[in-house]
Amino acid sequence: MTRTTLIALSVLACTAGAAEAQSRHPRSPITAALNAGTTGLGAEVQLNLGPVFTVRGGVDTLGYDFDQSYSDVDYAGRFDFDTVSGAVDLHPFLNGWFVSGGVYVGERTIDLNGTPTEPVNIGGATFTPQQVGTLSGRVKLSDTAPFVGVGYDDSFYRDGRWGLRGMVGVAWSQKPEVGLNSEGGSLSNDPAFRARLEQEARDIQEDAEDKAFFPIVQLGLTARF
């Protein structure tokens, strides 16, 4: 066997070894992720633009029931969060740690339903359950919510296919819009009572201003293509 043949065989062996390592450890600039957290369950796609920047796009959905009291009225509440998101992650240390900024776009609402069983204060005046009937309301947050966060994502800083992702941050929106209505009460259609409902809605809006700031905590699993 000639020296040239040996060199050729060595090159082929090295090439085959490199190809095998590449197949075991994909280096694609694209990953998919599944997330869970305060924004609900979500899925996203990430595109790596180099050692510093990654762009992401995703969808999230969240729905849960809770109890909430405003003034004298106890409400059964329902929070719904259905959004798409886009973000840019900056990795300043050229590793998994990142700073993120982006926006959530979509419907975020809180539905309220309450049926008083004793006299309650509505808009500064007291009314009986028979006069009030059933109250229903909606707290609507703005459809666009910018956010900032910090976290760790090793998807593009390790050789394996699977990675871990975590982020904490906050999203914010404009002051919530609140509507309140009464059905089935003896005063449900009374103009004076409806004026009290409008005042009550304004009071709820003030109490709900903290809902404009939404904490973000996410944990996820990433898969590199």
N, C-alpha and C. Protein backbone atom coordinates (compact mmCIF):
# COMPACT_ATOMS: atom_id res chain seq x y z
N MET A 1 0.87 -1.20 0.00
CA MET A 1 0.00 0.00 0.00
C MET A 1 0.89 1.24 0.00
N THR A 2 0.64 2.12 -0.94
CA THR A 2 1.49 3.30 -1.09
C THR A 2 1.17 4.32 -0.02
N ARG A 3 2.13 5.26 0.12
CA ARG A 3 1.95 6.33 1.10
C ARG A 3 0.75 7.20 0.74
N THR A 4 0.54 7.46 -0.56
CA THR A 4 -0.59 8.27 -1.00
C THR A 4 -1.92 7.61 -0.64
N THR A 5 -1.95 6.29 -0.81
CA THR A 5 -3.17 5.54 -0.46
C THR A 5 -3.47 5.64 1.02
N LEU A 6 -2.40 5.53 1.84
CA LEU A 6 -2.59 5.62 3.29
C LEU A 6 -3.14 6.99 3.69
N ILE A 7 -2.59 8.05 3.05
CA ILE A 7 -3.07 9.40 3.36
C ILE A 7 -4.53 9.56 2.98
N ALA A 8 -4.88 9.01 1.79
CA ALA A 8 -6.26 9.10 1.32
C ALA A 8 -7.21 8.38 2.27
N LEU A 9 -6.80 7.18 2.70
CA LEU A 9 -7.64 6.42 3.63
C LEU A 9 -7.78 7.15 4.96
N SER A 10 -6.73 7.81 5.41
CA SER A 10 -6.79 8.56 6.67
C SER A 10 -7.75 9.72 6.56
N VAL A 11 -7.69 10.44 5.41
CA VAL A 11 -8.61 11.55 5.20
C VAL A 11 -10.04 11.07 5.18
N LEU A 12 -10.30 9.95 4.49
CA LEU A 12 -11.66 9.40 4.44
C LEU A 12 -12.14 9.01 5.83
N ALA A 13 -11.23 8.41 6.62
CA ALA A 13 -11.61 8.00 7.97
C ALA A 13 -11.97 9.22 8.84
N CYS A 14 -11.15 10.27 8.71
CA CYS A 14 -11.44 11.49 9.49
C CYS A 14 -12.76 12.13 9.06
N THR A 15 -12.99 12.13 7.73
CA THR A 15 -14.24 12.69 7.22
C THR A 15 -15.44 11.90 7.71
N ALA A 16 -15.32 10.59 7.69
CA ALA A 16 -16.42 9.74 8.16
C ALA A 16 -16.68 9.96 9.64
N GLY A 17 -15.56 10.09 10.43
CA GLY A 17 -15.73 10.34 11.86
C GLY A 17 -16.39 11.66 12.14
N ALA A 18 -16.03 12.69 11.38
CA ALA A 18 -16.64 14.00 11.56
C ALA A 18 -18.11 13.96 11.19
N ALA A 19 -18.45 13.26 10.10
CA ALA A 19 -19.85 13.15 9.69
C ALA A 19 -20.67 12.42 10.74
N GLU A 20 -20.07 11.36 11.32
CA GLU A 20 -20.79 10.62 12.37
C GLU A 20 -21.02 11.50 13.59
N ALA A 21 -20.00 12.28 13.98
CA ALA A 21 -20.17 13.18 15.12
C ALA A 21 -21.23 14.22 14.84
N GLN A 22 -21.24 14.73 13.58
CA GLN A 22 -22.25 15.73 13.22
C GLN A 22 -23.64 15.15 13.29
N SER A 23 -23.81 13.88 12.88
CA SER A 23 -25.13 13.25 12.94
C SER A 23 -25.58 13.03 14.36
N ARG A 24 -24.60 12.76 15.26
CA ARG A 24 -24.97 12.56 16.67
C ARG A 24 -25.28 13.89 17.35
N HIS A 25 -24.63 14.96 16.91
CA HIS A 25 -24.77 16.25 17.55
C HIS A 25 -25.14 17.30 16.50
N PRO A 26 -26.40 17.41 16.17
CA PRO A 26 -26.83 18.33 15.12
C PRO A 26 -26.44 19.77 15.47
N ARG A 27 -26.09 20.54 14.45
CA ARG A 27 -25.71 21.92 14.66
C ARG A 27 -26.63 22.87 13.91
N SER A 28 -27.87 22.48 13.73
CA SER A 28 -28.83 23.32 13.02
C SER A 28 -29.06 24.62 13.78
N PRO A 29 -29.31 25.73 13.08
CA PRO A 29 -29.61 26.99 13.76
C PRO A 29 -31.06 27.12 14.19
N ILE A 30 -31.85 26.04 14.09
CA ILE A 30 -33.28 26.09 14.40
C ILE A 30 -33.60 25.10 15.52
N THR A 31 -34.38 25.55 16.48
CA THR A 31 -34.91 24.65 17.51
C THR A 31 -36.41 24.88 17.66
N ALA A 32 -37.06 23.87 18.19
CA ALA A 32 -38.46 23.99 18.62
C ALA A 32 -38.50 23.82 20.13
N ALA A 33 -39.46 24.45 20.79
CA ALA A 33 -39.53 24.41 22.24
C ALA A 33 -40.97 24.27 22.70
N LEU A 34 -41.15 23.57 23.80
CA LEU A 34 -42.42 23.50 24.51
C LEU A 34 -42.21 24.16 25.87
N ASN A 35 -43.11 25.10 26.21
CA ASN A 35 -42.98 25.87 27.44
C ASN A 35 -44.21 25.71 28.32
N ALA A 36 -44.01 25.88 29.61
CA ALA A 36 -45.11 25.93 30.56
C ALA A 36 -44.77 26.99 31.60
N GLY A 37 -45.79 27.73 32.04
CA GLY A 37 -45.55 28.76 33.04
C GLY A 37 -46.74 29.66 33.23
N THR A 38 -46.49 30.88 33.66
CA THR A 38 -47.58 31.81 33.95
C THR A 38 -48.31 32.24 32.68
N THR A 39 -47.70 32.10 31.53
CA THR A 39 -48.38 32.40 30.27
C THR A 39 -49.14 31.20 29.74
N GLY A 40 -49.13 30.09 30.48
CA GLY A 40 -49.85 28.89 30.07
C GLY A 40 -48.94 27.90 29.40
N LEU A 41 -49.53 27.10 28.51
CA LEU A 41 -48.77 26.15 27.71
C LEU A 41 -48.48 26.78 26.37
N GLY A 42 -47.26 26.58 25.88
CA GLY A 42 -46.89 27.22 24.64
C GLY A 42 -45.89 26.43 23.84
N ALA A 43 -45.78 26.79 22.58
CA ALA A 43 -44.79 26.21 21.67
C ALA A 43 -44.16 27.34 20.89
N GLU A 44 -42.89 27.19 20.57
CA GLU A 44 -42.22 28.23 19.84
C GLU A 44 -41.10 27.66 18.97
N VAL A 45 -40.67 28.46 18.01
CA VAL A 45 -39.54 28.13 17.15
C VAL A 45 -38.49 29.20 17.35
N GLN A 46 -37.22 28.77 17.44
CA GLN A 46 -36.11 29.68 17.65
C GLN A 46 -35.16 29.60 16.47
N LEU A 47 -34.63 30.74 16.06
CA LEU A 47 -33.64 30.80 14.99
C LEU A 47 -32.41 31.50 15.52
N ASN A 48 -31.29 30.79 15.51
CA ASN A 48 -30.03 31.34 15.99
C ASN A 48 -29.35 32.15 14.88
N LEU A 49 -29.01 33.41 15.19
CA LEU A 49 -28.38 34.30 14.21
C LEU A 49 -26.89 34.45 14.44
N GLY A 50 -26.32 33.62 15.29
CA GLY A 50 -24.91 33.72 15.61
C GLY A 50 -24.69 33.49 17.09
N PRO A 51 -23.50 33.77 17.58
CA PRO A 51 -23.22 33.49 18.99
C PRO A 51 -23.92 34.42 19.97
N VAL A 52 -24.49 35.53 19.47
CA VAL A 52 -25.06 36.53 20.37
C VAL A 52 -26.59 36.60 20.30
N PHE A 53 -27.17 36.54 19.10
CA PHE A 53 -28.59 36.81 18.94
C PHE A 53 -29.37 35.56 18.53
N THR A 54 -30.58 35.45 19.11
CA THR A 54 -31.56 34.43 18.72
C THR A 54 -32.91 35.11 18.62
N VAL A 55 -33.67 34.81 17.58
CA VAL A 55 -35.03 35.33 17.46
C VAL A 55 -36.00 34.19 17.69
N ARG A 56 -37.17 34.53 18.29
CA ARG A 56 -38.15 33.50 18.64
C ARG A 56 -39.55 33.94 18.23
N GLY A 57 -40.36 32.98 17.90
CA GLY A 57 -41.78 33.21 17.68
C GLY A 57 -42.57 32.06 18.29
N GLY A 58 -43.69 32.38 18.94
CA GLY A 58 -44.42 31.31 19.61
C GLY A 58 -45.89 31.62 19.80
N VAL A 59 -46.60 30.63 20.33
CA VAL A 59 -48.01 30.77 20.69
C VAL A 59 -48.17 30.25 22.12
N ASP A 60 -49.07 30.89 22.87
CA ASP A 60 -49.34 30.49 24.26
C ASP A 60 -50.84 30.55 24.51
N THR A 61 -51.30 29.65 25.37
CA THR A 61 -52.71 29.68 25.77
C THR A 61 -52.81 29.36 27.25
N LEU A 62 -53.65 30.12 27.94
CA LEU A 62 -53.82 29.96 29.38
C LEU A 62 -55.27 30.24 29.73
N GLY A 63 -55.85 29.41 30.59
CA GLY A 63 -57.19 29.64 31.09
C GLY A 63 -57.33 29.05 32.48
N TYR A 64 -57.82 29.84 33.42
CA TYR A 64 -58.05 29.30 34.76
C TYR A 64 -59.15 30.09 35.46
N ASP A 65 -59.78 29.45 36.43
CA ASP A 65 -60.87 30.05 37.21
C ASP A 65 -60.33 30.52 38.55
N PHE A 66 -60.93 31.57 39.08
CA PHE A 66 -60.52 32.10 40.38
C PHE A 66 -61.68 32.88 40.98
N ASP A 67 -61.58 33.19 42.26
CA ASP A 67 -62.56 34.01 42.97
C ASP A 67 -61.98 35.38 43.24
N GLN A 68 -62.79 36.41 43.07
CA GLN A 68 -62.33 37.78 43.24
C GLN A 68 -63.46 38.62 43.82
N SER A 69 -63.13 39.48 44.77
CA SER A 69 -64.11 40.39 45.37
C SER A 69 -63.78 41.82 44.98
N TYR A 70 -64.79 42.55 44.54
CA TYR A 70 -64.69 43.98 44.28
C TYR A 70 -65.83 44.66 45.04
N SER A 71 -65.48 45.68 45.82
CA SER A 71 -66.46 46.32 46.70
C SER A 71 -67.09 45.26 47.58
N ASP A 72 -68.42 45.15 47.57
CA ASP A 72 -69.09 44.15 48.41
C ASP A 72 -69.44 42.88 47.65
N VAL A 73 -69.08 42.78 46.40
CA VAL A 73 -69.56 41.68 45.55
C VAL A 73 -68.46 40.63 45.37
N ASP A 74 -68.84 39.37 45.59
CA ASP A 74 -67.95 38.25 45.34
C ASP A 74 -68.21 37.73 43.92
N TYR A 75 -67.15 37.68 43.12
CA TYR A 75 -67.27 37.24 41.73
C TYR A 75 -66.54 35.92 41.53
N ALA A 76 -67.12 35.09 40.65
CA ALA A 76 -66.39 33.96 40.09
C ALA A 76 -65.73 34.46 38.81
N GLY A 77 -64.41 34.36 38.76
CA GLY A 77 -63.67 34.93 37.64
C GLY A 77 -63.08 33.86 36.73
N ARG A 78 -62.83 34.25 35.49
CA ARG A 78 -62.20 33.38 34.51
C ARG A 78 -61.17 34.19 33.73
N PHE A 79 -59.91 33.77 33.79
CA PHE A 79 -58.85 34.47 33.08
C PHE A 79 -58.50 33.67 31.83
N ASP A 80 -58.45 34.35 30.67
CA ASP A 80 -58.08 33.72 29.40
C ASP A 80 -56.97 34.51 28.74
N PHE A 81 -55.95 33.81 28.29
CA PHE A 81 -54.74 34.41 27.72
C PHE A 81 -54.42 33.60 26.47
N ASP A 82 -54.68 34.15 25.28
CA ASP A 82 -54.40 33.48 24.01
C ASP A 82 -53.61 34.44 23.14
N THR A 83 -52.32 34.16 22.98
CA THR A 83 -51.46 35.12 22.31
C THR A 83 -50.46 34.45 21.38
N VAL A 84 -49.93 35.26 20.49
CA VAL A 84 -48.71 34.92 19.75
C VAL A 84 -47.63 35.88 20.23
N SER A 85 -46.38 35.48 20.12
CA SER A 85 -45.30 36.31 20.63
C SER A 85 -44.13 36.31 19.68
N GLY A 86 -43.35 37.38 19.75
CA GLY A 86 -42.09 37.48 19.03
C GLY A 86 -41.07 38.12 19.95
N ALA A 87 -39.82 37.65 19.89
CA ALA A 87 -38.81 38.16 20.81
C ALA A 87 -37.42 38.02 20.20
N VAL A 88 -36.51 38.81 20.74
CA VAL A 88 -35.09 38.71 20.43
C VAL A 88 -34.35 38.45 21.73
N ASP A 89 -33.54 37.41 21.75
CA ASP A 89 -32.72 37.08 22.92
C ASP A 89 -31.28 37.51 22.65
N LEU A 90 -30.69 38.22 23.59
CA LEU A 90 -29.30 38.66 23.52
C LEU A 90 -28.49 37.84 24.52
N HIS A 91 -27.46 37.14 24.04
CA HIS A 91 -26.58 36.33 24.88
C HIS A 91 -25.24 37.08 25.05
N PRO A 92 -25.14 37.99 26.01
CA PRO A 92 -23.96 38.85 26.10
C PRO A 92 -22.68 38.11 26.49
N PHE A 93 -22.81 36.96 27.14
CA PHE A 93 -21.63 36.22 27.59
C PHE A 93 -21.29 35.05 26.68
N LEU A 94 -21.97 34.99 25.53
CA LEU A 94 -21.73 33.93 24.54
C LEU A 94 -21.95 32.55 25.15
N ASN A 95 -22.95 32.46 26.03
CA ASN A 95 -23.35 31.17 26.60
C ASN A 95 -24.86 31.18 26.76
N GLY A 96 -25.40 30.30 27.58
CA GLY A 96 -26.85 30.16 27.68
C GLY A 96 -27.58 31.33 28.30
N TRP A 97 -26.90 32.16 29.11
CA TRP A 97 -27.59 33.27 29.77
C TRP A 97 -27.98 34.34 28.76
N PHE A 98 -29.22 34.85 28.89
CA PHE A 98 -29.70 35.81 27.91
C PHE A 98 -30.58 36.89 28.55
N VAL A 99 -30.69 37.99 27.83
CA VAL A 99 -31.65 39.06 28.11
C VAL A 99 -32.61 39.10 26.93
N SER A 100 -33.91 39.18 27.20
CA SER A 100 -34.91 39.07 26.14
C SER A 100 -35.84 40.27 26.12
N GLY A 101 -36.26 40.64 24.93
CA GLY A 101 -37.28 41.68 24.77
C GLY A 101 -38.18 41.32 23.61
N GLY A 102 -39.47 41.61 23.76
CA GLY A 102 -40.40 41.24 22.69
C GLY A 102 -41.80 41.74 22.99
N VAL A 103 -42.78 41.05 22.42
CA VAL A 103 -44.16 41.49 22.55
C VAL A 103 -45.09 40.29 22.45
N TYR A 104 -46.16 40.31 23.26
CA TYR A 104 -47.27 39.37 23.14
C TYR A 104 -48.42 40.10 22.46
N VAL A 105 -49.05 39.43 21.52
CA VAL A 105 -50.18 40.00 20.80
C VAL A 105 -51.33 39.00 20.83
N GLY A 106 -52.51 39.45 21.27
CA GLY A 106 -53.66 38.56 21.32
C GLY A 106 -54.63 38.97 22.41
N GLU A 107 -55.68 38.20 22.57
CA GLU A 107 -56.75 38.54 23.51
C GLU A 107 -56.41 38.08 24.91
N ARG A 108 -56.55 38.99 25.88
CA ARG A 108 -56.35 38.67 27.29
C ARG A 108 -57.51 39.30 28.06
N THR A 109 -58.38 38.47 28.61
CA THR A 109 -59.59 38.96 29.27
C THR A 109 -59.80 38.26 30.61
N ILE A 110 -60.52 38.95 31.49
CA ILE A 110 -60.97 38.39 32.76
C ILE A 110 -62.48 38.57 32.81
N ASP A 111 -63.22 37.47 32.83
CA ASP A 111 -64.68 37.51 32.92
C ASP A 111 -65.11 37.35 34.38
N LEU A 112 -66.09 38.13 34.79
CA LEU A 112 -66.58 38.14 36.17
C LEU A 112 -68.07 37.87 36.19
N ASN A 113 -68.50 37.04 37.13
CA ASN A 113 -69.93 36.76 37.32
C ASN A 113 -70.22 36.65 38.81
N GLY A 114 -71.24 37.39 39.27
CA GLY A 114 -71.58 37.35 40.67
C GLY A 114 -73.07 37.56 40.90
N THR A 115 -73.62 36.81 41.86
CA THR A 115 -75.04 36.96 42.23
C THR A 115 -75.11 37.24 43.72
N PRO A 116 -75.29 38.48 44.12
CA PRO A 116 -75.31 38.82 45.55
C PRO A 116 -76.43 38.09 46.28
N THR A 117 -76.17 37.73 47.51
CA THR A 117 -77.17 37.09 48.36
C THR A 117 -77.55 37.98 49.55
N GLU A 118 -76.95 39.14 49.63
CA GLU A 118 -77.27 40.13 50.67
C GLU A 118 -77.05 41.51 50.09
N PRO A 119 -77.52 42.55 50.76
CA PRO A 119 -77.35 43.90 50.21
C PRO A 119 -75.88 44.22 49.94
N VAL A 120 -75.64 44.89 48.81
CA VAL A 120 -74.27 45.20 48.40
C VAL A 120 -74.19 46.66 47.97
N ASN A 121 -72.97 47.17 48.00
CA ASN A 121 -72.71 48.54 47.58
C ASN A 121 -72.32 48.52 46.11
N ILE A 122 -73.08 49.24 45.29
CA ILE A 122 -72.81 49.34 43.86
C ILE A 122 -72.64 50.81 43.53
N GLY A 123 -71.44 51.20 43.15
CA GLY A 123 -71.21 52.58 42.74
C GLY A 123 -71.51 53.61 43.80
N GLY A 124 -71.36 53.24 45.06
CA GLY A 124 -71.57 54.20 46.15
C GLY A 124 -72.94 54.17 46.77
N ALA A 125 -73.82 53.25 46.37
CA ALA A 125 -75.16 53.13 46.95
C ALA A 125 -75.44 51.66 47.25
N THR A 126 -76.32 51.41 48.19
CA THR A 126 -76.62 50.04 48.61
C THR A 126 -77.90 49.56 47.94
N PHE A 127 -77.84 48.32 47.44
CA PHE A 127 -78.98 47.71 46.75
C PHE A 127 -79.17 46.28 47.26
N THR A 128 -80.44 45.83 47.21
CA THR A 128 -80.75 44.47 47.64
C THR A 128 -80.45 43.48 46.52
N PRO A 129 -80.30 42.18 46.85
CA PRO A 129 -80.08 41.18 45.81
C PRO A 129 -81.17 41.18 44.75
N GLN A 130 -82.43 41.42 45.16
CA GLN A 130 -83.54 41.42 44.21
C GLN A 130 -83.42 42.59 43.22
N GLN A 131 -82.90 43.69 43.70
CA GLN A 131 -82.71 44.83 42.81
C GLN A 131 -81.53 44.63 41.85
N VAL A 132 -80.50 43.97 42.33
CA VAL A 132 -79.27 43.82 41.54
C VAL A 132 -79.38 42.70 40.52
N GLY A 133 -79.93 41.55 40.93
CA GLY A 133 -79.95 40.39 40.05
C GLY A 133 -78.56 39.78 39.93
N THR A 134 -78.17 39.40 38.73
CA THR A 134 -76.86 38.80 38.47
C THR A 134 -75.96 39.81 37.76
N LEU A 135 -74.76 39.98 38.28
CA LEU A 135 -73.80 40.89 37.70
C LEU A 135 -72.80 40.12 36.83
N SER A 136 -72.53 40.66 35.67
CA SER A 136 -71.51 40.06 34.79
C SER A 136 -70.62 41.19 34.28
N GLY A 137 -69.34 40.93 34.24
CA GLY A 137 -68.40 41.96 33.81
C GLY A 137 -67.23 41.36 33.07
N ARG A 138 -66.49 42.22 32.42
CA ARG A 138 -65.29 41.80 31.70
C ARG A 138 -64.20 42.85 31.90
N VAL A 139 -63.04 42.36 32.31
CA VAL A 139 -61.84 43.19 32.39
C VAL A 139 -60.99 42.82 31.17
N LYS A 140 -60.80 43.78 30.29
CA LYS A 140 -60.07 43.52 29.05
C LYS A 140 -58.73 44.24 29.08
N LEU A 141 -57.66 43.45 28.98
CA LEU A 141 -56.33 44.02 28.87
C LEU A 141 -56.02 44.30 27.41
N SER A 142 -55.10 45.21 27.16
CA SER A 142 -54.79 45.58 25.78
C SER A 142 -54.25 44.37 25.02
N ASP A 143 -54.52 44.34 23.72
CA ASP A 143 -54.14 43.20 22.89
C ASP A 143 -52.64 43.14 22.62
N THR A 144 -51.92 44.21 22.91
CA THR A 144 -50.47 44.23 22.70
C THR A 144 -49.78 44.47 24.03
N ALA A 145 -48.86 43.58 24.39
CA ALA A 145 -48.17 43.68 25.67
C ALA A 145 -46.67 43.46 25.47
N PRO A 146 -45.87 44.53 25.47
CA PRO A 146 -44.42 44.36 25.41
C PRO A 146 -43.92 43.65 26.67
N PHE A 147 -42.77 43.00 26.57
CA PHE A 147 -42.20 42.34 27.74
C PHE A 147 -40.68 42.37 27.68
N VAL A 148 -40.07 42.25 28.87
CA VAL A 148 -38.63 42.07 29.01
C VAL A 148 -38.41 40.92 29.98
N GLY A 149 -37.29 40.24 29.84
CA GLY A 149 -37.01 39.12 30.71
C GLY A 149 -35.55 38.74 30.68
N VAL A 150 -35.16 37.89 31.60
CA VAL A 150 -33.82 37.31 31.64
C VAL A 150 -33.99 35.81 31.82
N GLY A 151 -33.00 35.05 31.36
CA GLY A 151 -33.14 33.62 31.49
C GLY A 151 -31.93 32.86 31.03
N TYR A 152 -32.13 31.56 30.87
CA TYR A 152 -31.05 30.66 30.45
C TYR A 152 -31.61 29.69 29.42
N ASP A 153 -30.88 29.55 28.32
CA ASP A 153 -31.27 28.63 27.25
C ASP A 153 -29.98 28.11 26.60
N ASP A 154 -29.71 26.82 26.79
CA ASP A 154 -28.46 26.25 26.28
C ASP A 154 -28.62 25.56 24.93
N SER A 155 -29.73 25.83 24.24
CA SER A 155 -30.02 25.13 22.98
C SER A 155 -28.88 25.20 21.98
N PHE A 156 -28.26 26.37 21.86
CA PHE A 156 -27.22 26.58 20.85
C PHE A 156 -25.82 26.61 21.44
N TYR A 157 -25.71 26.19 22.69
CA TYR A 157 -24.41 26.22 23.35
C TYR A 157 -24.04 24.84 23.91
N ARG A 158 -24.60 23.82 23.30
CA ARG A 158 -24.26 22.45 23.67
C ARG A 158 -24.35 21.59 22.42
N ASP A 159 -23.75 20.42 22.45
CA ASP A 159 -23.70 19.56 21.28
C ASP A 159 -24.94 18.69 21.13
N GLY A 160 -25.63 18.41 22.21
CA GLY A 160 -26.76 17.49 22.15
C GLY A 160 -27.98 18.10 21.46
N ARG A 161 -28.91 17.23 21.13
CA ARG A 161 -30.14 17.68 20.48
C ARG A 161 -31.06 18.38 21.45
N TRP A 162 -31.12 17.91 22.71
CA TRP A 162 -32.09 18.44 23.66
C TRP A 162 -31.47 19.52 24.52
N GLY A 163 -32.27 20.51 24.88
CA GLY A 163 -31.81 21.60 25.73
C GLY A 163 -32.88 22.04 26.71
N LEU A 164 -32.47 22.89 27.63
CA LEU A 164 -33.38 23.42 28.65
C LEU A 164 -33.48 24.92 28.51
N ARG A 165 -34.65 25.43 28.87
CA ARG A 165 -34.90 26.87 28.75
C ARG A 165 -35.70 27.35 29.96
N GLY A 166 -35.34 28.50 30.48
CA GLY A 166 -36.09 29.12 31.56
C GLY A 166 -36.01 30.63 31.45
N MET A 167 -37.09 31.32 31.81
CA MET A 167 -37.10 32.78 31.73
C MET A 167 -38.03 33.35 32.79
N VAL A 168 -37.63 34.48 33.35
CA VAL A 168 -38.48 35.27 34.23
C VAL A 168 -38.50 36.70 33.70
N GLY A 169 -39.64 37.35 33.83
CA GLY A 169 -39.75 38.72 33.33
C GLY A 169 -41.11 39.30 33.63
N VAL A 170 -41.47 40.34 32.90
CA VAL A 170 -42.76 40.99 33.10
C VAL A 170 -43.25 41.54 31.78
N ALA A 171 -44.56 41.41 31.56
CA ALA A 171 -45.23 42.03 30.42
C ALA A 171 -46.14 43.12 30.95
N TRP A 172 -46.35 44.16 30.17
CA TRP A 172 -47.21 45.24 30.63
C TRP A 172 -48.10 45.72 29.49
N SER A 173 -49.21 46.32 29.87
CA SER A 173 -50.16 46.81 28.87
C SER A 173 -50.79 48.09 29.39
N GLN A 174 -51.68 48.65 28.58
CA GLN A 174 -52.38 49.85 28.99
C GLN A 174 -53.38 49.53 30.10
N LYS A 175 -53.95 50.60 30.67
CA LYS A 175 -54.94 50.43 31.75
C LYS A 175 -56.09 49.54 31.25
N PRO A 176 -56.51 48.55 32.05
CA PRO A 176 -57.59 47.65 31.61
C PRO A 176 -58.89 48.41 31.35
N GLU A 177 -59.66 47.89 30.41
CA GLU A 177 -61.02 48.39 30.16
C GLU A 177 -62.00 47.46 30.88
N VAL A 178 -63.00 48.05 31.56
CA VAL A 178 -63.93 47.27 32.38
C VAL A 178 -65.36 47.60 31.98
N GLY A 179 -66.16 46.57 31.76
CA GLY A 179 -67.59 46.73 31.53
C GLY A 179 -68.36 45.91 32.54
N LEU A 180 -69.51 46.39 33.02
CA LEU A 180 -70.31 45.69 34.03
C LEU A 180 -71.78 45.80 33.67
N ASN A 181 -72.48 44.68 33.81
CA ASN A 181 -73.89 44.63 33.42
C ASN A 181 -74.70 43.88 34.47
N SER A 182 -76.01 44.17 34.52
CA SER A 182 -76.92 43.50 35.44
C SER A 182 -78.06 42.87 34.66
N GLU A 183 -78.43 41.65 35.07
CA GLU A 183 -79.56 40.95 34.45
C GLU A 183 -80.42 40.32 35.53
N GLY A 184 -81.73 40.35 35.32
CA GLY A 184 -82.65 39.65 36.21
C GLY A 184 -83.02 40.39 37.47
N GLY A 185 -82.52 41.61 37.66
CA GLY A 185 -82.86 42.39 38.85
C GLY A 185 -83.99 43.37 38.55
N SER A 186 -84.67 43.78 39.59
CA SER A 186 -85.79 44.71 39.40
C SER A 186 -85.31 46.08 38.89
N LEU A 187 -84.02 46.39 39.10
CA LEU A 187 -83.48 47.67 38.63
C LEU A 187 -82.49 47.51 37.47
N SER A 188 -82.44 46.32 36.88
CA SER A 188 -81.44 46.06 35.85
C SER A 188 -81.51 47.05 34.70
N ASN A 189 -82.73 47.51 34.36
CA ASN A 189 -82.89 48.45 33.24
C ASN A 189 -83.14 49.88 33.69
N ASP A 190 -82.99 50.13 34.99
CA ASP A 190 -83.23 51.47 35.51
C ASP A 190 -82.03 52.37 35.19
N PRO A 191 -82.26 53.53 34.57
CA PRO A 191 -81.14 54.41 34.19
C PRO A 191 -80.27 54.82 35.38
N ALA A 192 -80.88 55.12 36.50
CA ALA A 192 -80.11 55.54 37.66
C ALA A 192 -79.22 54.40 38.17
N PHE A 193 -79.78 53.20 38.18
CA PHE A 193 -78.99 52.05 38.62
C PHE A 193 -77.86 51.76 37.63
N ARG A 194 -78.14 51.89 36.35
CA ARG A 194 -77.11 51.64 35.35
C ARG A 194 -75.98 52.68 35.47
N ALA A 195 -76.30 53.87 35.87
CA ALA A 195 -75.26 54.87 36.13
C ALA A 195 -74.38 54.43 37.30
N ARG A 196 -75.02 53.80 38.31
CA ARG A 196 -74.25 53.25 39.43
C ARG A 196 -73.33 52.12 38.95
N LEU A 197 -73.82 51.30 38.01
CA LEU A 197 -73.01 50.22 37.46
C LEU A 197 -71.79 50.78 36.73
N GLU A 198 -71.98 51.88 36.01
CA GLU A 198 -70.86 52.50 35.31
C GLU A 198 -69.82 53.01 36.30
N GLN A 199 -70.28 53.57 37.41
CA GLN A 199 -69.35 54.02 38.44
C GLN A 199 -68.62 52.83 39.07
N GLU A 200 -69.37 51.76 39.29
CA GLU A 200 -68.75 50.55 39.84
C GLU A 200 -67.69 50.00 38.89
N ALA A 201 -67.96 50.05 37.60
CA ALA A 201 -66.98 49.59 36.61
C ALA A 201 -65.72 50.44 36.67
N ARG A 202 -65.86 51.74 36.87
CA ARG A 202 -64.69 52.60 36.99
C ARG A 202 -63.91 52.27 38.26
N ASP A 203 -64.63 51.95 39.34
CA ASP A 203 -63.95 51.56 40.58
C ASP A 203 -63.18 50.25 40.38
N ILE A 204 -63.81 49.29 39.69
CA ILE A 204 -63.13 48.02 39.41
C ILE A 204 -61.89 48.26 38.54
N GLN A 205 -62.03 49.18 37.60
CA GLN A 205 -60.90 49.48 36.71
C GLN A 205 -59.70 49.98 37.52
N GLU A 206 -59.96 50.83 38.51
CA GLU A 206 -58.88 51.31 39.36
C GLU A 206 -58.27 50.17 40.16
N ASP A 207 -59.11 49.29 40.69
CA ASP A 207 -58.60 48.15 41.46
C ASP A 207 -57.83 47.17 40.59
N ALA A 208 -58.18 47.12 39.29
CA ALA A 208 -57.57 46.13 38.40
C ALA A 208 -56.34 46.66 37.66
N GLU A 209 -55.90 47.87 38.02
CA GLU A 209 -54.76 48.44 37.30
C GLU A 209 -53.51 47.58 37.44
N ASP A 210 -53.38 46.86 38.57
CA ASP A 210 -52.19 46.02 38.73
C ASP A 210 -52.18 44.86 37.74
N LYS A 211 -53.36 44.54 37.16
CA LYS A 211 -53.41 43.47 36.16
C LYS A 211 -52.70 43.87 34.86
N ALA A 212 -52.41 45.16 34.71
CA ALA A 212 -51.69 45.61 33.52
C ALA A 212 -50.26 45.09 33.51
N PHE A 213 -49.75 44.70 34.68
CA PHE A 213 -48.41 44.12 34.77
C PHE A 213 -48.55 42.63 35.03
N PHE A 214 -48.00 41.85 34.13
CA PHE A 214 -48.19 40.40 34.20
C PHE A 214 -46.84 39.73 34.36
N PRO A 215 -46.62 39.00 35.47
CA PRO A 215 -45.33 38.32 35.65
C PRO A 215 -45.18 37.14 34.70
N ILE A 216 -43.99 36.98 34.18
CA ILE A 216 -43.70 35.88 33.27
C ILE A 216 -42.69 34.95 33.92
N VAL A 217 -43.06 33.70 34.07
CA VAL A 217 -42.16 32.65 34.51
C VAL A 217 -42.38 31.46 33.58
N GLN A 218 -41.34 31.05 32.89
CA GLN A 218 -41.46 29.96 31.92
C GLN A 218 -40.34 28.95 32.11
N LEU A 219 -40.68 27.67 31.96
CA LEU A 219 -39.71 26.59 31.88
C LEU A 219 -40.03 25.80 30.62
N GLY A 220 -38.99 25.36 29.93
CA GLY A 220 -39.25 24.66 28.68
C GLY A 220 -38.17 23.67 28.32
N LEU A 221 -38.51 22.85 27.35
CA LEU A 221 -37.61 21.84 26.78
C LEU A 221 -37.46 22.15 25.30
N THR A 222 -36.22 22.21 24.80
CA THR A 222 -35.97 22.53 23.41
C THR A 222 -35.40 21.32 22.68
N ALA A 223 -35.69 21.24 21.40
CA ALA A 223 -35.17 20.18 20.54
C ALA A 223 -34.56 20.83 19.31
N ARG A 224 -33.32 20.52 19.04
CA ARG A 224 -32.61 21.10 17.91
C ARG A 224 -32.76 20.20 16.68
N PHE A 225 -33.09 20.81 15.56
CA PHE A 225 -33.30 20.01 14.33
C PHE A 225 -31.96 19.61 13.75
